[in-house]
Amino acid sequence: MGERAPGGALVSNIEVTSATVQRGDIIQLGGRACRVRDLFRLPQGAKQLLFESGELLAIHARTRLIVVRPLRRR
């Protein structure tokens, strides 16, 4: 179901699109793990992702990315 991250938190690797990406998702870009801090809607279903580092990434509505998502406690 979930895996343990180095810090001990339960995480899950999942595929996301612009419709399903969430704040807190961690995306591997250029060998660096980038955590999504905020999301902004763009025309035609695209989104712009703002990372904790201050960097931006725009993704098309059909873009598919693998992210690490911390599992929420129930």
PDB file of N, CA and C in Angstrom:
ATOM      1  N   MET A   1       0.833  -1.184   0.000  1.00  0.00           N
ATOM      2  CA  MET A   1       0.000   0.000   0.000  1.00  0.00           C
ATOM      3  C   MET A   1       0.877   1.246   0.000  1.00  0.00           C
ATOM      4  N   GLY A   2       1.609   1.478   1.101  1.00  0.00           N
ATOM      5  CA  GLY A   2       2.491   2.629   1.183  1.00  0.00           C
ATOM      6  C   GLY A   2       3.901   2.188   1.511  1.00  0.00           C
ATOM      7  N   GLU A   3       4.841   3.091   1.311  1.00  0.00           N
ATOM      8  CA  GLU A   3       6.233   2.823   1.634  1.00  0.00           C
ATOM      9  C   GLU A   3       6.654   3.836   2.687  1.00  0.00           C
ATOM     10  N   ARG A   4       7.756   3.563   3.352  1.00  0.00           N
ATOM     11  CA  ARG A   4       8.268   4.508   4.336  1.00  0.00           C
ATOM     12  C   ARG A   4       9.360   5.364   3.695  1.00  0.00           C
ATOM     13  N   ALA A   5       9.216   6.679   3.850  1.00  0.00           N
ATOM     14  CA  ALA A   5      10.234   7.614   3.387  1.00  0.00           C
ATOM     15  C   ALA A   5      11.375   7.611   4.403  1.00  0.00           C
ATOM     16  N   PRO A   6      12.556   8.157   4.037  1.00  0.00           N
ATOM     17  CA  PRO A   6      13.677   8.171   4.972  1.00  0.00           C
ATOM     18  C   PRO A   6      13.327   8.781   6.333  1.00  0.00           C
ATOM     19  N   GLY A   7      12.428   9.741   6.384  1.00  0.00           N
ATOM     20  CA  GLY A   7      12.029  10.357   7.649  1.00  0.00           C
ATOM     21  C   GLY A   7      11.036   9.529   8.425  1.00  0.00           C
ATOM     22  N   GLY A   8      10.588   8.403   7.862  1.00  0.00           N
ATOM     23  CA  GLY A   8       9.659   7.530   8.547  1.00  0.00           C
ATOM     24  C   GLY A   8       8.205   7.725   8.173  1.00  0.00           C
ATOM     25  N   ALA A   9       7.891   8.746   7.384  1.00  0.00           N
ATOM     26  CA  ALA A   9       6.507   8.988   6.985  1.00  0.00           C
ATOM     27  C   ALA A   9       6.075   7.978   5.938  1.00  0.00           C
ATOM     28  N   LEU A  10       4.802   7.620   5.959  1.00  0.00           N
ATOM     29  CA  LEU A  10       4.260   6.751   4.922  1.00  0.00           C
ATOM     30  C   LEU A  10       4.007   7.569   3.669  1.00  0.00           C
ATOM     31  N   VAL A  11       4.484   7.071   2.524  1.00  0.00           N
ATOM     32  CA  VAL A  11       4.306   7.754   1.247  1.00  0.00           C
ATOM     33  C   VAL A  11       3.842   6.756   0.197  1.00  0.00           C
ATOM     34  N   SER A  12       3.304   7.295  -0.881  1.00  0.00           N
ATOM     35  CA  SER A  12       2.849   6.470  -1.987  1.00  0.00           C
ATOM     36  C   SER A  12       3.328   7.094  -3.293  1.00  0.00           C
ATOM     37  N   ASN A  13       3.811   6.286  -4.225  1.00  0.00           N
ATOM     38  CA  ASN A  13       4.171   6.763  -5.564  1.00  0.00           C
ATOM     39  C   ASN A  13       2.936   6.638  -6.442  1.00  0.00           C
ATOM     40  N   ILE A  14       2.490   7.742  -7.022  1.00  0.00           N
ATOM     41  CA  ILE A  14       1.306   7.706  -7.868  1.00  0.00           C
ATOM     42  C   ILE A  14       1.514   8.556  -9.115  1.00  0.00           C
ATOM     43  N   GLU A  15       0.705   8.283 -10.130  1.00  0.00           N
ATOM     44  CA  GLU A  15       0.716   9.079 -11.357  1.00  0.00           C
ATOM     45  C   GLU A  15      -0.350  10.158 -11.229  1.00  0.00           C
ATOM     46  N   VAL A  16       0.031  11.396 -11.569  1.00  0.00           N
ATOM     47  CA  VAL A  16      -0.918  12.502 -11.506  1.00  0.00           C
ATOM     48  C   VAL A  16      -0.953  13.248 -12.828  1.00  0.00           C
ATOM     49  N   THR A  17      -2.017  14.003 -13.002  1.00  0.00           N
ATOM     50  CA  THR A  17      -2.176  14.923 -14.132  1.00  0.00           C
ATOM     51  C   THR A  17      -2.420  16.312 -13.547  1.00  0.00           C
ATOM     52  N   SER A  18      -2.634  17.298 -14.391  1.00  0.00           N
ATOM     53  CA  SER A  18      -2.918  18.636 -13.888  1.00  0.00           C
ATOM     54  C   SER A  18      -4.212  18.649 -13.075  1.00  0.00           C
ATOM     55  N   ALA A  19      -5.114  17.717 -13.335  1.00  0.00           N
ATOM     56  CA  ALA A  19      -6.383  17.662 -12.599  1.00  0.00           C
ATOM     57  C   ALA A  19      -6.237  17.031 -11.219  1.00  0.00           C
ATOM     58  N   THR A  20      -5.181  16.226 -11.010  1.00  0.00           N
ATOM     59  CA  THR A  20      -5.077  15.485  -9.750  1.00  0.00           C
ATOM     60  C   THR A  20      -3.861  15.845  -8.899  1.00  0.00           C
ATOM     61  N   VAL A  21      -2.954  16.685  -9.398  1.00  0.00           N
ATOM     62  CA  VAL A  21      -1.802  17.093  -8.603  1.00  0.00           C
ATOM     63  C   VAL A  21      -2.293  17.900  -7.403  1.00  0.00           C
ATOM     64  N   GLN A  22      -1.591  17.764  -6.261  1.00  0.00           N
ATOM     65  CA  GLN A  22      -2.011  18.418  -5.024  1.00  0.00           C
ATOM     66  C   GLN A  22      -0.839  19.115  -4.356  1.00  0.00           C
ATOM     67  N   ARG A  23      -1.172  20.097  -3.501  1.00  0.00           N
ATOM     68  CA  ARG A  23      -0.147  20.710  -2.656  1.00  0.00           C
ATOM     69  C   ARG A  23       0.489  19.608  -1.817  1.00  0.00           C
ATOM     70  N   GLY A  24       1.796  19.682  -1.647  1.00  0.00           N
ATOM     71  CA  GLY A  24       2.506  18.690  -0.847  1.00  0.00           C
ATOM     72  C   GLY A  24       3.076  17.540  -1.655  1.00  0.00           C
ATOM     73  N   ASP A  25       2.617  17.360  -2.906  1.00  0.00           N
ATOM     74  CA  ASP A  25       3.183  16.313  -3.754  1.00  0.00           C
ATOM     75  C   ASP A  25       4.660  16.616  -3.997  1.00  0.00           C
ATOM     76  N   ILE A  26       5.464  15.564  -4.087  1.00  0.00           N
ATOM     77  CA  ILE A  26       6.899  15.721  -4.332  1.00  0.00           C
ATOM     78  C   ILE A  26       7.207  15.153  -5.710  1.00  0.00           C
ATOM     79  N   ILE A  27       7.782  16.001  -6.568  1.00  0.00           N
ATOM     80  CA  ILE A  27       8.085  15.634  -7.954  1.00  0.00           C
ATOM     81  C   ILE A  27       9.602  15.669  -8.138  1.00  0.00           C
ATOM     82  N   GLN A  28      10.154  14.631  -8.739  1.00  0.00           N
ATOM     83  CA  GLN A  28      11.586  14.546  -9.020  1.00  0.00           C
ATOM     84  C   GLN A  28      11.851  15.280 -10.331  1.00  0.00           C
ATOM     85  N   LEU A  29      12.615  16.363 -10.278  1.00  0.00           N
ATOM     86  CA  LEU A  29      12.945  17.149 -11.469  1.00  0.00           C
ATOM     87  C   LEU A  29      14.449  17.364 -11.528  1.00  0.00           C
ATOM     88  N   GLY A  30      15.067  16.871 -12.576  1.00  0.00           N
ATOM     89  CA  GLY A  30      16.511  17.052 -12.745  1.00  0.00           C
ATOM     90  C   GLY A  30      17.319  16.494 -11.586  1.00  0.00           C
ATOM     91  N   GLY A  31      16.851  15.397 -11.002  1.00  0.00           N
ATOM     92  CA  GLY A  31      17.560  14.779  -9.897  1.00  0.00           C
ATOM     93  C   GLY A  31      17.285  15.407  -8.542  1.00  0.00           C
ATOM     94  N   ARG A  32      16.404  16.401  -8.508  1.00  0.00           N
ATOM     95  CA  ARG A  32      16.053  17.066  -7.251  1.00  0.00           C
ATOM     96  C   ARG A  32      14.599  16.798  -6.900  1.00  0.00           C
ATOM     97  N   ALA A  33      14.332  16.595  -5.639  1.00  0.00           N
ATOM     98  CA  ALA A  33      12.952  16.412  -5.179  1.00  0.00           C
ATOM     99  C   ALA A  33      12.367  17.791  -4.899  1.00  0.00           C
ATOM    100  N   CYS A  34      11.257  18.119  -5.571  1.00  0.00           N
ATOM    101  CA  CYS A  34      10.615  19.428  -5.432  1.00  0.00           C
ATOM    102  C   CYS A  34       9.202  19.239  -4.883  1.00  0.00           C
ATOM    103  N   ARG A  35       8.905  19.904  -3.762  1.00  0.00           N
ATOM    104  CA  ARG A  35       7.584  19.793  -3.140  1.00  0.00           C
ATOM    105  C   ARG A  35       6.692  20.937  -3.628  1.00  0.00           C
ATOM    106  N   VAL A  36       5.466  20.594  -4.057  1.00  0.00           N
ATOM    107  CA  VAL A  36       4.513  21.574  -4.555  1.00  0.00           C
ATOM    108  C   VAL A  36       3.980  22.401  -3.376  1.00  0.00           C
ATOM    109  N   ARG A  37       4.184  23.718  -3.442  1.00  0.00           N
ATOM    110  CA  ARG A  37       3.685  24.618  -2.403  1.00  0.00           C
ATOM    111  C   ARG A  37       2.324  25.193  -2.768  1.00  0.00           C
ATOM    112  N   ASP A  38       2.115  25.499  -4.065  1.00  0.00           N
ATOM    113  CA  ASP A  38       0.846  26.090  -4.492  1.00  0.00           C
ATOM    114  C   ASP A  38       0.596  25.746  -5.954  1.00  0.00           C
ATOM    115  N   LEU A  39      -0.666  25.868  -6.367  1.00  0.00           N
ATOM    116  CA  LEU A  39      -1.090  25.546  -7.733  1.00  0.00           C
ATOM    117  C   LEU A  39      -1.905  26.700  -8.284  1.00  0.00           C
ATOM    118  N   PHE A  40      -1.753  26.960  -9.573  1.00  0.00           N
ATOM    119  CA  PHE A  40      -2.530  27.998 -10.237  1.00  0.00           C
ATOM    120  C   PHE A  40      -3.116  27.443 -11.520  1.00  0.00           C
ATOM    121  N   ARG A  41      -4.391  27.666 -11.742  1.00  0.00           N
ATOM    122  CA  ARG A  41      -5.044  27.209 -12.969  1.00  0.00           C
ATOM    123  C   ARG A  41      -4.615  28.072 -14.142  1.00  0.00           C
ATOM    124  N   LEU A  42      -4.407  27.412 -15.261  1.00  0.00           N
ATOM    125  CA  LEU A  42      -4.101  28.078 -16.522  1.00  0.00           C
ATOM    126  C   LEU A  42      -5.186  27.685 -17.522  1.00  0.00           C
ATOM    127  N   PRO A  43      -5.265  28.361 -18.662  1.00  0.00           N
ATOM    128  CA  PRO A  43      -6.279  28.008 -19.661  1.00  0.00           C
ATOM    129  C   PRO A  43      -6.156  26.568 -20.150  1.00  0.00           C
ATOM    130  N   GLN A  44      -7.261  26.005 -20.582  1.00  0.00           N
ATOM    131  CA  GLN A  44      -7.348  24.684 -21.211  1.00  0.00           C
ATOM    132  C   GLN A  44      -6.903  23.543 -20.295  1.00  0.00           C
ATOM    133  N   GLY A  45      -7.157  23.678 -18.993  1.00  0.00           N
ATOM    134  CA  GLY A  45      -6.887  22.596 -18.063  1.00  0.00           C
ATOM    135  C   GLY A  45      -5.449  22.470 -17.592  1.00  0.00           C
ATOM    136  N   ALA A  46      -4.588  23.376 -18.017  1.00  0.00           N
ATOM    137  CA  ALA A  46      -3.187  23.340 -17.578  1.00  0.00           C
ATOM    138  C   ALA A  46      -3.083  23.921 -16.169  1.00  0.00           C
ATOM    139  N   LYS A  47      -1.968  23.668 -15.506  1.00  0.00           N
ATOM    140  CA  LYS A  47      -1.713  24.249 -14.185  1.00  0.00           C
ATOM    141  C   LYS A  47      -0.260  24.677 -14.095  1.00  0.00           C
ATOM    142  N   GLN A  48      -0.043  25.700 -13.279  1.00  0.00           N
ATOM    143  CA  GLN A  48       1.311  26.121 -12.963  1.00  0.00           C
ATOM    144  C   GLN A  48       1.568  25.712 -11.517  1.00  0.00           C
ATOM    145  N   LEU A  49       2.672  25.003 -11.303  1.00  0.00           N
ATOM    146  CA  LEU A  49       3.032  24.531  -9.970  1.00  0.00           C
ATOM    147  C   LEU A  49       4.111  25.442  -9.407  1.00  0.00           C
ATOM    148  N   LEU A  50       3.926  25.880  -8.174  1.00  0.00           N
ATOM    149  CA  LEU A  50       4.930  26.659  -7.470  1.00  0.00           C
ATOM    150  C   LEU A  50       5.540  25.744  -6.416  1.00  0.00           C
ATOM    151  N   PHE A  51       6.859  25.557  -6.483  1.00  0.00           N
ATOM    152  CA  PHE A  51       7.552  24.679  -5.548  1.00  0.00           C
ATOM    153  C   PHE A  51       8.061  25.471  -4.354  1.00  0.00           C
ATOM    154  N   GLU A  52       8.348  24.770  -3.258  1.00  0.00           N
ATOM    155  CA  GLU A  52       8.863  25.411  -2.047  1.00  0.00           C
ATOM    156  C   GLU A  52      10.150  26.170  -2.313  1.00  0.00           C
ATOM    157  N   SER A  53      10.907  25.761  -3.323  1.00  0.00           N
ATOM    158  CA  SER A  53      12.165  26.424  -3.694  1.00  0.00           C
ATOM    159  C   SER A  53      11.933  27.748  -4.421  1.00  0.00           C
ATOM    160  N   GLY A  54      10.677  28.020  -4.808  1.00  0.00           N
ATOM    161  CA  GLY A  54      10.357  29.236  -5.555  1.00  0.00           C
ATOM    162  C   GLY A  54      10.296  29.028  -7.053  1.00  0.00           C
ATOM    163  N   GLU A  55      10.695  27.852  -7.519  1.00  0.00           N
ATOM    164  CA  GLU A  55      10.669  27.555  -8.949  1.00  0.00           C
ATOM    165  C   GLU A  55       9.239  27.274  -9.403  1.00  0.00           C
ATOM    166  N   LEU A  56       8.991  27.491 -10.692  1.00  0.00           N
ATOM    167  CA  LEU A  56       7.674  27.259 -11.293  1.00  0.00           C
ATOM    168  C   LEU A  56       7.767  26.193 -12.366  1.00  0.00           C
ATOM    169  N   LEU A  57       6.692  25.428 -12.528  1.00  0.00           N
ATOM    170  CA  LEU A  57       6.589  24.450 -13.608  1.00  0.00           C
ATOM    171  C   LEU A  57       5.158  24.489 -14.122  1.00  0.00           C
ATOM    172  N   ALA A  58       4.982  24.703 -15.413  1.00  0.00           N
ATOM    173  CA  ALA A  58       3.652  24.658 -16.023  1.00  0.00           C
ATOM    174  C   ALA A  58       3.473  23.289 -16.656  1.00  0.00           C
ATOM    175  N   ILE A  59       2.324  22.667 -16.383  1.00  0.00           N
ATOM    176  CA  ILE A  59       2.043  21.365 -16.980  1.00  0.00           C
ATOM    177  C   ILE A  59       0.746  21.444 -17.766  1.00  0.00           C
ATOM    178  N   HIS A  60       0.750  20.787 -18.917  1.00  0.00           N
ATOM    179  CA  HIS A  60      -0.392  20.713 -19.818  1.00  0.00           C
ATOM    180  C   HIS A  60      -1.441  19.787 -19.213  1.00  0.00           C
ATOM    181  N   ALA A  61      -2.651  19.882 -19.657  1.00  0.00           N
ATOM    182  CA  ALA A  61      -3.735  19.043 -19.138  1.00  0.00           C
ATOM    183  C   ALA A  61      -3.460  17.554 -19.335  1.00  0.00           C
ATOM    184  N   ARG A  62      -2.687  17.189 -20.355  1.00  0.00           N
ATOM    185  CA  ARG A  62      -2.416  15.767 -20.622  1.00  0.00           C
ATOM    186  C   ARG A  62      -1.075  15.284 -20.061  1.00  0.00           C
ATOM    187  N   THR A  63      -0.329  16.171 -19.413  1.00  0.00           N
ATOM    188  CA  THR A  63       0.950  15.780 -18.825  1.00  0.00           C
ATOM    189  C   THR A  63       0.723  14.775 -17.708  1.00  0.00           C
ATOM    190  N   ARG A  64       1.535  13.733 -17.668  1.00  0.00           N
ATOM    191  CA  ARG A  64       1.460  12.733 -16.598  1.00  0.00           C
ATOM    192  C   ARG A  64       2.809  12.704 -15.892  1.00  0.00           C
ATOM    193  N   LEU A  65       2.759  12.793 -14.575  1.00  0.00           N
ATOM    194  CA  LEU A  65       3.969  12.784 -13.757  1.00  0.00           C
ATOM    195  C   LEU A  65       3.823  11.754 -12.644  1.00  0.00           C
ATOM    196  N   ILE A  66       4.931  11.165 -12.247  1.00  0.00           N
ATOM    197  CA  ILE A  66       4.943  10.290 -11.077  1.00  0.00           C
ATOM    198  C   ILE A  66       5.369  11.152  -9.893  1.00  0.00           C
ATOM    199  N   VAL A  67       4.574  11.135  -8.833  1.00  0.00           N
ATOM    200  CA  VAL A  67       4.878  11.924  -7.644  1.00  0.00           C
ATOM    201  C   VAL A  67       4.929  11.022  -6.425  1.00  0.00           C
ATOM    202  N   VAL A  68       5.590  11.511  -5.409  1.00  0.00           N
ATOM    203  CA  VAL A  68       5.551  10.886  -4.094  1.00  0.00           C
ATOM    204  C   VAL A  68       4.561  11.705  -3.289  1.00  0.00           C
ATOM    205  N   ARG A  69       3.564  11.041  -2.757  1.00  0.00           N
ATOM    206  CA  ARG A  69       2.534  11.742  -1.974  1.00  0.00           C
ATOM    207  C   ARG A  69       2.514  11.188  -0.563  1.00  0.00           C
ATOM    208  N   PRO A  70       2.744  12.061   0.424  1.00  0.00           N
ATOM    209  CA  PRO A  70       2.629  11.616   1.812  1.00  0.00           C
ATOM    210  C   PRO A  70       1.190  11.150   2.070  1.00  0.00           C
ATOM    211  N   LEU A  71       1.057   9.993   2.717  1.00  0.00           N
ATOM    212  CA  LEU A  71      -0.278   9.482   3.035  1.00  0.00           C
ATOM    213  C   LEU A  71      -0.824  10.226   4.241  1.00  0.00           C
ATOM    214  N   ARG A  72      -2.067  10.598   4.157  1.00  0.00           N
ATOM    215  CA  ARG A  72      -2.730  11.316   5.249  1.00  0.00           C
ATOM    216  C   ARG A  72      -3.160  10.330   6.321  1.00  0.00           C
ATOM    217  N   ARG A  73      -3.037  10.727   7.560  1.00  0.00           N
ATOM    218  CA  ARG A  73      -3.512   9.878   8.662  1.00  0.00           C
ATOM    219  C   ARG A  73      -5.020   9.959   8.746  1.00  0.00           C
ATOM    220  N   ARG A  74      -5.644   8.816   9.004  1.00  0.00           N
ATOM    221  CA  ARG A  74      -7.116   8.796   9.082  1.00  0.00           C
ATOM    222  C   ARG A  74      -7.561   8.695  10.497  1.00  0.00           C
TER     223      ARG A  74
END
